[in-house]
């Protein structure tokens, strides 16, 4: 199973009300680095159970991108208890993404 797709329709329930931390990958179909890490994000979704792995198409969900202050993509964020607690940007190898989410795993 791949990463959960977040839209304005499911954002409140899937992210803000989540009982576990949420990793968000803000991406766009026209962004080469974004497309390179999408398969890695989908792998994480299949492998990591204690953090919800999700992606947001920033080109389609501009309100969500603005809400998170996304200025450059891929933009990666951790939301815990309804608040963004960490963020970074740029394509990263799988090991670096695992390190990014490690502090939020149980």
PDB file of N, CA and C in Angstrom:
ATOM      1  N   UNK A   1       0.851  -1.183   0.000  1.00  0.00           N
ATOM      2  CA  UNK A   1       0.000   0.000   0.000  1.00  0.00           C
ATOM      3  C   UNK A   1       0.889   1.237   0.000  1.00  0.00           C
ATOM      4  N   UNK A   2       0.531   2.199  -0.805  1.00  0.00           N
ATOM      5  CA  UNK A   2       1.314   3.429  -0.897  1.00  0.00           C
ATOM      6  C   UNK A   2       0.924   4.441   0.163  1.00  0.00           C
ATOM      7  N   UNK A   3       1.578   5.573   0.072  1.00  0.00           N
ATOM      8  CA  UNK A   3       1.311   6.659   1.016  1.00  0.00           C
ATOM      9  C   UNK A   3      -0.124   7.162   0.852  1.00  0.00           C
ATOM     10  N   UNK A   4      -0.705   7.579   1.946  1.00  0.00           N
ATOM     11  CA  UNK A   4      -2.052   8.125   1.963  1.00  0.00           C
ATOM     12  C   UNK A   4      -2.060   9.470   1.247  1.00  0.00           C
ATOM     13  N   UNK A   5      -3.018   9.694   0.370  1.00  0.00           N
ATOM     14  CA  UNK A   5      -3.122  10.979  -0.323  1.00  0.00           C
ATOM     15  C   UNK A   5      -3.985  11.920   0.502  1.00  0.00           C
ATOM     16  N   UNK A   6      -3.399  13.065   0.845  1.00  0.00           N
ATOM     17  CA  UNK A   6      -4.093  14.054   1.660  1.00  0.00           C
ATOM     18  C   UNK A   6      -4.630  15.173   0.777  1.00  0.00           C
ATOM     19  N   UNK A   7      -5.893  15.505   1.001  1.00  0.00           N
ATOM     20  CA  UNK A   7      -6.542  16.624   0.318  1.00  0.00           C
ATOM     21  C   UNK A   7      -7.208  17.486   1.391  1.00  0.00           C
ATOM     22  N   UNK A   8      -7.754  18.604   0.976  1.00  0.00           N
ATOM     23  CA  UNK A   8      -8.471  19.439   1.939  1.00  0.00           C
ATOM     24  C   UNK A   8      -9.652  18.669   2.525  1.00  0.00           C
ATOM     25  N   UNK A   9     -10.186  17.708   1.778  1.00  0.00           N
ATOM     26  CA  UNK A   9     -11.345  16.940   2.239  1.00  0.00           C
ATOM     27  C   UNK A   9     -11.027  15.993   3.393  1.00  0.00           C
ATOM     28  N   UNK A  10      -9.823  15.413   3.405  1.00  0.00           N
ATOM     29  CA  UNK A  10      -9.501  14.446   4.464  1.00  0.00           C
ATOM     30  C   UNK A  10      -8.404  14.946   5.424  1.00  0.00           C
ATOM     31  N   UNK A  11      -7.911  16.162   5.226  1.00  0.00           N
ATOM     32  CA  UNK A  11      -6.821  16.705   6.035  1.00  0.00           C
ATOM     33  C   UNK A  11      -7.148  16.720   7.525  1.00  0.00           C
ATOM     34  N   UNK A  12      -8.283  17.228   7.891  1.00  0.00           N
ATOM     35  CA  UNK A  12      -8.641  17.358   9.309  1.00  0.00           C
ATOM     36  C   UNK A  12      -8.632  15.988   9.993  1.00  0.00           C
ATOM     37  N   UNK A  13      -9.304  15.034   9.381  1.00  0.00           N
ATOM     38  CA  UNK A  13      -9.420  13.700   9.984  1.00  0.00           C
ATOM     39  C   UNK A  13      -8.091  12.942   9.972  1.00  0.00           C
ATOM     40  N   UNK A  14      -7.416  12.917   8.825  1.00  0.00           N
ATOM     41  CA  UNK A  14      -6.229  12.081   8.662  1.00  0.00           C
ATOM     42  C   UNK A  14      -4.956  12.681   9.257  1.00  0.00           C
ATOM     43  N   UNK A  15      -4.892  14.006   9.332  1.00  0.00           N
ATOM     44  CA  UNK A  15      -3.671  14.651   9.827  1.00  0.00           C
ATOM     45  C   UNK A  15      -3.892  15.294  11.195  1.00  0.00           C
ATOM     46  N   UNK A  16      -4.807  16.219  11.274  1.00  0.00           N
ATOM     47  CA  UNK A  16      -4.985  16.983  12.506  1.00  0.00           C
ATOM     48  C   UNK A  16      -5.528  16.130  13.656  1.00  0.00           C
ATOM     49  N   UNK A  17      -6.354  15.145  13.351  1.00  0.00           N
ATOM     50  CA  UNK A  17      -6.934  14.295  14.395  1.00  0.00           C
ATOM     51  C   UNK A  17      -6.255  12.933  14.497  1.00  0.00           C
ATOM     52  N   UNK A  18      -5.138  12.759  13.824  1.00  0.00           N
ATOM     53  CA  UNK A  18      -4.443  11.468  13.836  1.00  0.00           C
ATOM     54  C   UNK A  18      -3.945  11.137  15.241  1.00  0.00           C
ATOM     55  N   UNK A  19      -4.068   9.873  15.615  1.00  0.00           N
ATOM     56  CA  UNK A  19      -3.582   9.438  16.926  1.00  0.00           C
ATOM     57  C   UNK A  19      -2.095   9.091  16.902  1.00  0.00           C
ATOM     58  N   UNK A  20      -1.477   9.184  15.733  1.00  0.00           N
ATOM     59  CA  UNK A  20      -0.037   8.985  15.630  1.00  0.00           C
ATOM     60  C   UNK A  20       0.574  10.099  14.776  1.00  0.00           C
ATOM     61  N   UNK A  21       1.885  10.303  14.877  1.00  0.00           N
ATOM     62  CA  UNK A  21       2.524  11.352  14.070  1.00  0.00           C
ATOM     63  C   UNK A  21       2.306  11.104  12.580  1.00  0.00           C
ATOM     64  N   UNK A  22       2.278  12.189  11.808  1.00  0.00           N
ATOM     65  CA  UNK A  22       2.049  12.107  10.366  1.00  0.00           C
ATOM     66  C   UNK A  22       3.236  12.732   9.640  1.00  0.00           C
ATOM     67  N   UNK A  23       3.824  11.976   8.725  1.00  0.00           N
ATOM     68  CA  UNK A  23       4.868  12.469   7.832  1.00  0.00           C
ATOM     69  C   UNK A  23       4.162  12.930   6.566  1.00  0.00           C
ATOM     70  N   UNK A  24       4.353  14.195   6.193  1.00  0.00           N
ATOM     71  CA  UNK A  24       3.736  14.740   4.981  1.00  0.00           C
ATOM     72  C   UNK A  24       4.800  15.067   3.955  1.00  0.00           C
ATOM     73  N   UNK A  25       4.608  14.594   2.740  1.00  0.00           N
ATOM     74  CA  UNK A  25       5.476  14.918   1.608  1.00  0.00           C
ATOM     75  C   UNK A  25       4.672  15.811   0.663  1.00  0.00           C
ATOM     76  N   UNK A  26       5.001  17.103   0.629  1.00  0.00           N
ATOM     77  CA  UNK A  26       4.383  18.023  -0.317  1.00  0.00           C
ATOM     78  C   UNK A  26       5.165  17.925  -1.618  1.00  0.00           C
ATOM     79  N   UNK A  27       4.495  17.571  -2.694  1.00  0.00           N
ATOM     80  CA  UNK A  27       5.140  17.316  -3.964  1.00  0.00           C
ATOM     81  C   UNK A  27       4.318  17.909  -5.105  1.00  0.00           C
ATOM     82  N   UNK A  28       4.855  17.835  -6.322  1.00  0.00           N
ATOM     83  CA  UNK A  28       4.139  18.273  -7.522  1.00  0.00           C
ATOM     84  C   UNK A  28       4.562  17.381  -8.684  1.00  0.00           C
ATOM     85  N   UNK A  29       3.641  17.095  -9.598  1.00  0.00           N
ATOM     86  CA  UNK A  29       3.979  16.250 -10.748  1.00  0.00           C
ATOM     87  C   UNK A  29       5.031  16.874 -11.665  1.00  0.00           C
ATOM     88  N   UNK A  30       5.243  18.180 -11.586  1.00  0.00           N
ATOM     89  CA  UNK A  30       6.225  18.839 -12.450  1.00  0.00           C
ATOM     90  C   UNK A  30       7.595  18.977 -11.790  1.00  0.00           C
ATOM     91  N   UNK A  31       7.762  18.398 -10.614  1.00  0.00           N
ATOM     92  CA  UNK A  31       8.997  18.519  -9.829  1.00  0.00           C
ATOM     93  C   UNK A  31       9.799  17.214  -9.924  1.00  0.00           C
ATOM     94  N   UNK A  32      10.938  17.270 -10.596  1.00  0.00           N
ATOM     95  CA  UNK A  32      11.781  16.086 -10.765  1.00  0.00           C
ATOM     96  C   UNK A  32      12.216  15.457  -9.450  1.00  0.00           C
ATOM     97  N   UNK A  33      12.786  16.249  -8.515  1.00  0.00           N
ATOM     98  CA  UNK A  33      13.178  15.656  -7.231  1.00  0.00           C
ATOM     99  C   UNK A  33      11.992  15.042  -6.479  1.00  0.00           C
ATOM    100  N   UNK A  34      10.829  15.661  -6.603  1.00  0.00           N
ATOM    101  CA  UNK A  34       9.622  15.115  -5.959  1.00  0.00           C
ATOM    102  C   UNK A  34       9.307  13.733  -6.509  1.00  0.00           C
ATOM    103  N   UNK A  35       9.361  13.601  -7.826  1.00  0.00           N
ATOM    104  CA  UNK A  35       9.040  12.327  -8.468  1.00  0.00           C
ATOM    105  C   UNK A  35      10.057  11.253  -8.102  1.00  0.00           C
ATOM    106  N   UNK A  36      11.301  11.662  -7.866  1.00  0.00           N
ATOM    107  CA  UNK A  36      12.328  10.691  -7.481  1.00  0.00           C
ATOM    108  C   UNK A  36      12.075  10.111  -6.094  1.00  0.00           C
ATOM    109  N   UNK A  37      11.527  10.909  -5.175  1.00  0.00           N
ATOM    110  CA  UNK A  37      11.329  10.355  -3.823  1.00  0.00           C
ATOM    111  C   UNK A  37       9.939   9.745  -3.601  1.00  0.00           C
ATOM    112  N   UNK A  38       9.006   9.962  -4.527  1.00  0.00           N
ATOM    113  CA  UNK A  38       7.665   9.378  -4.337  1.00  0.00           C
ATOM    114  C   UNK A  38       7.705   7.869  -4.114  1.00  0.00           C
ATOM    115  N   UNK A  39       8.494   7.104  -4.898  1.00  0.00           N
ATOM    116  CA  UNK A  39       8.531   5.650  -4.630  1.00  0.00           C
ATOM    117  C   UNK A  39       9.095   5.328  -3.236  1.00  0.00           C
ATOM    118  N   UNK A  40      10.031   6.150  -2.765  1.00  0.00           N
ATOM    119  CA  UNK A  40      10.598   5.942  -1.427  1.00  0.00           C
ATOM    120  C   UNK A  40       9.528   6.209  -0.367  1.00  0.00           C
ATOM    121  N   UNK A  41       8.751   7.263  -0.569  1.00  0.00           N
ATOM    122  CA  UNK A  41       7.675   7.595   0.369  1.00  0.00           C
ATOM    123  C   UNK A  41       6.657   6.455   0.403  1.00  0.00           C
ATOM    124  N   UNK A  42       6.344   5.884  -0.752  1.00  0.00           N
ATOM    125  CA  UNK A  42       5.421   4.749  -0.795  1.00  0.00           C
ATOM    126  C   UNK A  42       6.014   3.529  -0.079  1.00  0.00           C
ATOM    127  N   UNK A  43       7.334   3.315  -0.214  1.00  0.00           N
ATOM    128  CA  UNK A  43       7.992   2.217   0.512  1.00  0.00           C
ATOM    129  C   UNK A  43       7.863   2.428   2.016  1.00  0.00           C
ATOM    130  N   UNK A  44       8.104   3.658   2.462  1.00  0.00           N
ATOM    131  CA  UNK A  44       7.982   3.952   3.893  1.00  0.00           C
ATOM    132  C   UNK A  44       6.582   3.639   4.392  1.00  0.00           C
ATOM    133  N   UNK A  45       5.575   3.964   3.585  1.00  0.00           N
ATOM    134  CA  UNK A  45       4.185   3.702   3.979  1.00  0.00           C
ATOM    135  C   UNK A  45       3.959   2.212   4.220  1.00  0.00           C
ATOM    136  N   UNK A  46       4.623   1.372   3.431  1.00  0.00           N
ATOM    137  CA  UNK A  46       4.465  -0.074   3.570  1.00  0.00           C
ATOM    138  C   UNK A  46       5.274  -0.622   4.741  1.00  0.00           C
ATOM    139  N   UNK A  47       6.346   0.081   5.125  1.00  0.00           N
ATOM    140  CA  UNK A  47       7.271  -0.444   6.126  1.00  0.00           C
ATOM    141  C   UNK A  47       7.100   0.143   7.527  1.00  0.00           C
ATOM    142  N   UNK A  48       6.586   1.356   7.618  1.00  0.00           N
ATOM    143  CA  UNK A  48       6.517   2.065   8.894  1.00  0.00           C
ATOM    144  C   UNK A  48       5.075   2.083   9.380  1.00  0.00           C
ATOM    145  N   UNK A  49       4.828   1.498  10.536  1.00  0.00           N
ATOM    146  CA  UNK A  49       3.462   1.441  11.038  1.00  0.00           C
ATOM    147  C   UNK A  49       3.150   2.436  12.141  1.00  0.00           C
ATOM    148  N   UNK A  50       4.191   2.965  12.770  1.00  0.00           N
ATOM    149  CA  UNK A  50       3.954   3.838  13.918  1.00  0.00           C
ATOM    150  C   UNK A  50       3.945   5.325  13.576  1.00  0.00           C
ATOM    151  N   UNK A  51       4.161   5.650  12.313  1.00  0.00           N
ATOM    152  CA  UNK A  51       4.022   7.013  11.796  1.00  0.00           C
ATOM    153  C   UNK A  51       3.190   6.909  10.526  1.00  0.00           C
ATOM    154  N   UNK A  52       2.168   7.747  10.416  1.00  0.00           N
ATOM    155  CA  UNK A  52       1.335   7.750   9.212  1.00  0.00           C
ATOM    156  C   UNK A  52       2.118   8.452   8.106  1.00  0.00           C
ATOM    157  N   UNK A  53       2.265   7.796   6.963  1.00  0.00           N
ATOM    158  CA  UNK A  53       3.028   8.338   5.838  1.00  0.00           C
ATOM    159  C   UNK A  53       2.029   8.824   4.793  1.00  0.00           C
ATOM    160  N   UNK A  54       2.136  10.108   4.455  1.00  0.00           N
ATOM    161  CA  UNK A  54       1.150  10.706   3.549  1.00  0.00           C
ATOM    162  C   UNK A  54       1.821  11.672   2.579  1.00  0.00           C
ATOM    163  N   UNK A  55       1.106  11.963   1.500  1.00  0.00           N
ATOM    164  CA  UNK A  55       1.620  12.910   0.510  1.00  0.00           C
ATOM    165  C   UNK A  55       0.526  13.894   0.130  1.00  0.00           C
ATOM    166  N   UNK A  56       0.972  15.108  -0.214  1.00  0.00           N
ATOM    167  CA  UNK A  56       0.056  16.185  -0.594  1.00  0.00           C
ATOM    168  C   UNK A  56       0.529  16.733  -1.929  1.00  0.00           C
ATOM    169  N   UNK A  57      -0.331  16.688  -2.935  1.00  0.00           N
ATOM    170  CA  UNK A  57      -0.011  17.291  -4.225  1.00  0.00           C
ATOM    171  C   UNK A  57      -0.161  18.804  -4.062  1.00  0.00           C
ATOM    172  N   UNK A  58       0.971  19.487  -3.892  1.00  0.00           N
ATOM    173  CA  UNK A  58       0.951  20.929  -3.610  1.00  0.00           C
ATOM    174  C   UNK A  58       0.368  21.740  -4.767  1.00  0.00           C
ATOM    175  N   UNK A  59       0.457  21.221  -5.975  1.00  0.00           N
ATOM    176  CA  UNK A  59      -0.096  21.926  -7.133  1.00  0.00           C
ATOM    177  C   UNK A  59      -1.623  21.923  -7.101  1.00  0.00           C
ATOM    178  N   UNK A  60      -2.208  20.868  -6.546  1.00  0.00           N
ATOM    179  CA  UNK A  60      -3.666  20.766  -6.456  1.00  0.00           C
ATOM    180  C   UNK A  60      -4.203  21.266  -5.127  1.00  0.00           C
ATOM    181  N   UNK A  61      -3.398  21.175  -4.090  1.00  0.00           N
ATOM    182  CA  UNK A  61      -3.836  21.540  -2.732  1.00  0.00           C
ATOM    183  C   UNK A  61      -3.061  22.771  -2.245  1.00  0.00           C
ATOM    184  N   UNK A  62      -3.215  23.862  -2.986  1.00  0.00           N
ATOM    185  CA  UNK A  62      -2.457  25.078  -2.695  1.00  0.00           C
ATOM    186  C   UNK A  62      -2.776  25.653  -1.319  1.00  0.00           C
ATOM    187  N   UNK A  63      -4.017  25.517  -0.859  1.00  0.00           N
ATOM    188  CA  UNK A  63      -4.368  26.022   0.473  1.00  0.00           C
ATOM    189  C   UNK A  63      -3.590  25.289   1.560  1.00  0.00           C
ATOM    190  N   UNK A  64      -3.443  23.974   1.418  1.00  0.00           N
ATOM    191  CA  UNK A  64      -2.667  23.208   2.397  1.00  0.00           C
ATOM    192  C   UNK A  64      -1.192  23.590   2.331  1.00  0.00           C
ATOM    193  N   UNK A  65      -0.683  23.771   1.116  1.00  0.00           N
ATOM    194  CA  UNK A  65       0.718  24.174   0.964  1.00  0.00           C
ATOM    195  C   UNK A  65       0.956  25.528   1.634  1.00  0.00           C
ATOM    196  N   UNK A  66       0.028  26.461   1.459  1.00  0.00           N
ATOM    197  CA  UNK A  66       0.152  27.780   2.110  1.00  0.00           C
ATOM    198  C   UNK A  66       0.086  27.647   3.629  1.00  0.00           C
ATOM    199  N   UNK A  67      -0.813  26.802   4.094  1.00  0.00           N
ATOM    200  CA  UNK A  67      -0.979  26.598   5.539  1.00  0.00           C
ATOM    201  C   UNK A  67       0.334  26.150   6.191  1.00  0.00           C
ATOM    202  N   UNK A  68       1.123  25.365   5.458  1.00  0.00           N
ATOM    203  CA  UNK A  68       2.386  24.856   5.969  1.00  0.00           C
ATOM    204  C   UNK A  68       3.582  25.725   5.570  1.00  0.00           C
ATOM    205  N   UNK A  69       3.330  26.817   4.865  1.00  0.00           N
ATOM    206  CA  UNK A  69       4.411  27.713   4.470  1.00  0.00           C
ATOM    207  C   UNK A  69       5.361  27.104   3.461  1.00  0.00           C
ATOM    208  N   UNK A  70       4.836  26.244   2.605  1.00  0.00           N
ATOM    209  CA  UNK A  70       5.671  25.569   1.622  1.00  0.00           C
ATOM    210  C   UNK A  70       6.165  26.584   0.586  1.00  0.00           C
ATOM    211  N   UNK A  71       7.492  26.752   0.516  1.00  0.00           N
ATOM    212  CA  UNK A  71       8.094  27.668  -0.450  1.00  0.00           C
ATOM    213  C   UNK A  71       8.923  26.911  -1.483  1.00  0.00           C
ATOM    214  N   UNK A  72       9.311  25.688  -1.146  1.00  0.00           N
ATOM    215  CA  UNK A  72      10.137  24.865  -2.018  1.00  0.00           C
ATOM    216  C   UNK A  72       9.699  23.415  -1.838  1.00  0.00           C
ATOM    217  N   UNK A  73       9.687  22.671  -2.941  1.00  0.00           N
ATOM    218  CA  UNK A  73       9.282  21.269  -2.854  1.00  0.00           C
ATOM    219  C   UNK A  73      10.400  20.389  -3.408  1.00  0.00           C
ATOM    220  N   UNK A  74      10.480  19.144  -2.986  1.00  0.00           N
ATOM    221  CA  UNK A  74       9.632  18.517  -1.979  1.00  0.00           C
ATOM    222  C   UNK A  74       9.844  19.129  -0.588  1.00  0.00           C
ATOM    223  N   UNK A  75       8.726  19.363   0.082  1.00  0.00           N
ATOM    224  CA  UNK A  75       8.715  19.880   1.445  1.00  0.00           C
ATOM    225  C   UNK A  75       8.209  18.754   2.326  1.00  0.00           C
ATOM    226  N   UNK A  76       8.959  18.425   3.350  1.00  0.00           N
ATOM    227  CA  UNK A  76       8.639  17.295   4.207  1.00  0.00           C
ATOM    228  C   UNK A  76       8.352  17.807   5.608  1.00  0.00           C
ATOM    229  N   UNK A  77       7.258  17.359   6.192  1.00  0.00           N
ATOM    230  CA  UNK A  77       6.860  17.853   7.509  1.00  0.00           C
ATOM    231  C   UNK A  77       6.388  16.699   8.386  1.00  0.00           C
ATOM    232  N   UNK A  78       6.542  16.900   9.689  1.00  0.00           N
ATOM    233  CA  UNK A  78       5.989  15.980  10.682  1.00  0.00           C
ATOM    234  C   UNK A  78       4.932  16.746  11.458  1.00  0.00           C
ATOM    235  N   UNK A  79       3.727  16.183  11.524  1.00  0.00           N
ATOM    236  CA  UNK A  79       2.641  16.759  12.306  1.00  0.00           C
ATOM    237  C   UNK A  79       2.342  15.788  13.443  1.00  0.00           C
ATOM    238  N   UNK A  80       2.362  16.334  14.665  1.00  0.00           N
ATOM    239  CA  UNK A  80       2.075  15.512  15.847  1.00  0.00           C
ATOM    240  C   UNK A  80       1.105  16.279  16.725  1.00  0.00           C
ATOM    241  N   UNK A  81       0.042  15.613  17.132  1.00  0.00           N
ATOM    242  CA  UNK A  81      -0.979  16.235  17.975  1.00  0.00           C
ATOM    243  C   UNK A  81      -1.510  17.527  17.353  1.00  0.00           C
ATOM    244  N   UNK A  82      -1.678  17.511  16.031  1.00  0.00           N
ATOM    245  CA  UNK A  82      -2.266  18.650  15.323  1.00  0.00           C
ATOM    246  C   UNK A  82      -1.340  19.828  15.081  1.00  0.00           C
ATOM    247  N   UNK A  83      -0.032  19.655  15.353  1.00  0.00           N
ATOM    248  CA  UNK A  83       0.918  20.752  15.158  1.00  0.00           C
ATOM    249  C   UNK A  83       2.115  20.270  14.344  1.00  0.00           C
ATOM    250  N   UNK A  84       2.617  21.129  13.447  1.00  0.00           N
ATOM    251  CA  UNK A  84       3.836  20.802  12.731  1.00  0.00           C
ATOM    252  C   UNK A  84       4.996  20.915  13.717  1.00  0.00           C
ATOM    253  N   UNK A  85       5.719  19.826  13.922  1.00  0.00           N
ATOM    254  CA  UNK A  85       6.805  19.800  14.897  1.00  0.00           C
ATOM    255  C   UNK A  85       8.192  19.740  14.252  1.00  0.00           C
ATOM    256  N   UNK A  86       8.237  19.469  12.955  1.00  0.00           N
ATOM    257  CA  UNK A  86       9.517  19.405  12.257  1.00  0.00           C
ATOM    258  C   UNK A  86       9.268  19.545  10.767  1.00  0.00           C
ATOM    259  N   UNK A  87      10.261  20.065  10.046  1.00  0.00           N
ATOM    260  CA  UNK A  87      10.144  20.160   8.596  1.00  0.00           C
ATOM    261  C   UNK A  87      11.523  20.276   7.967  1.00  0.00           C
ATOM    262  N   UNK A  88      11.594  19.931   6.718  1.00  0.00           N
ATOM    263  CA  UNK A  88      12.795  20.068   5.907  1.00  0.00           C
ATOM    264  C   UNK A  88      12.344  20.102   4.456  1.00  0.00           C
ATOM    265  N   UNK A  89      13.273  20.340   3.548  1.00  0.00           N
ATOM    266  CA  UNK A  89      12.888  20.306   2.139  1.00  0.00           C
ATOM    267  C   UNK A  89      14.015  19.694   1.327  1.00  0.00           C
ATOM    268  N   UNK A  90      13.666  19.262   0.135  1.00  0.00           N
ATOM    269  CA  UNK A  90      14.632  18.657  -0.775  1.00  0.00           C
ATOM    270  C   UNK A  90      14.523  17.146  -0.788  1.00  0.00           C
ATOM    271  N   UNK A  91      14.959  16.572  -1.904  1.00  0.00           N
ATOM    272  CA  UNK A  91      14.944  15.115  -2.056  1.00  0.00           C
ATOM    273  C   UNK A  91      15.988  14.506  -1.123  1.00  0.00           C
ATOM    274  N   UNK A  92      15.631  13.408  -0.519  1.00  0.00           N
ATOM    275  CA  UNK A  92      16.508  12.710   0.419  1.00  0.00           C
ATOM    276  C   UNK A  92      16.473  11.210   0.111  1.00  0.00           C
ATOM    277  N   UNK A  93      17.589  10.513   0.353  1.00  0.00           N
ATOM    278  CA  UNK A  93      17.560   9.052   0.211  1.00  0.00           C
ATOM    279  C   UNK A  93      16.715   8.437   1.332  1.00  0.00           C
ATOM    280  N   UNK A  94      16.355   7.194   1.162  1.00  0.00           N
ATOM    281  CA  UNK A  94      15.493   6.508   2.123  1.00  0.00           C
ATOM    282  C   UNK A  94      16.068   6.553   3.542  1.00  0.00           C
ATOM    283  N   UNK A  95      17.360   6.341   3.685  1.00  0.00           N
ATOM    284  CA  UNK A  95      17.983   6.338   5.004  1.00  0.00           C
ATOM    285  C   UNK A  95      17.781   7.682   5.705  1.00  0.00           C
ATOM    286  N   UNK A  96      17.904   8.778   4.955  1.00  0.00           N
ATOM    287  CA  UNK A  96      17.728  10.114   5.530  1.00  0.00           C
ATOM    288  C   UNK A  96      16.274  10.348   5.935  1.00  0.00           C
ATOM    289  N   UNK A  97      15.333   9.834   5.149  1.00  0.00           N
ATOM    290  CA  UNK A  97      13.922   9.975   5.513  1.00  0.00           C
ATOM    291  C   UNK A  97      13.615   9.167   6.772  1.00  0.00           C
ATOM    292  N   UNK A  98      14.209   7.991   6.879  1.00  0.00           N
ATOM    293  CA  UNK A  98      14.022   7.191   8.097  1.00  0.00           C
ATOM    294  C   UNK A  98      14.602   7.913   9.315  1.00  0.00           C
ATOM    295  N   UNK A  99      15.748   8.566   9.140  1.00  0.00           N
ATOM    296  CA  UNK A  99      16.340   9.344  10.238  1.00  0.00           C
ATOM    297  C   UNK A  99      15.443  10.524  10.612  1.00  0.00           C
ATOM    298  N   UNK A 100      14.821  11.156   9.596  1.00  0.00           N
ATOM    299  CA  UNK A 100      13.946  12.309   9.830  1.00  0.00           C
ATOM    300  C   UNK A 100      12.742  11.915  10.692  1.00  0.00           C
ATOM    301  N   UNK A 101      12.175  10.739  10.427  1.00  0.00           N
ATOM    302  CA  UNK A 101      10.990  10.325  11.188  1.00  0.00           C
ATOM    303  C   UNK A 101      11.322   9.567  12.471  1.00  0.00           C
ATOM    304  N   UNK A 102      12.573   9.135  12.628  1.00  0.00           N
ATOM    305  CA  UNK A 102      12.963   8.308  13.777  1.00  0.00           C
ATOM    306  C   UNK A 102      12.564   8.878  15.135  1.00  0.00           C
ATOM    307  N   UNK A 103      12.748  10.185  15.390  1.00  0.00           N
ATOM    308  CA  UNK A 103      12.394  10.696  16.717  1.00  0.00           C
ATOM    309  C   UNK A 103      10.895  10.606  17.042  1.00  0.00           C
ATOM    310  N   UNK A 104      10.073  10.371  16.040  1.00  0.00           N
ATOM    311  CA  UNK A 104       8.614  10.363  16.236  1.00  0.00           C
ATOM    312  C   UNK A 104       8.048   8.947  16.236  1.00  0.00           C
ATOM    313  N   UNK A 105       8.927   7.957  16.088  1.00  0.00           N
ATOM    314  CA  UNK A 105       8.496   6.556  16.114  1.00  0.00           C
ATOM    315  C   UNK A 105       8.456   6.062  17.545  1.00  0.00           C
ATOM    316  N   UNK A 106       7.593   5.101  17.793  1.00  0.00           N
ATOM    317  CA  UNK A 106       7.450   4.542  19.145  1.00  0.00           C
ATOM    318  C   UNK A 106       8.437   3.417  19.352  1.00  0.00           C
TER     319      UNK A 106
END
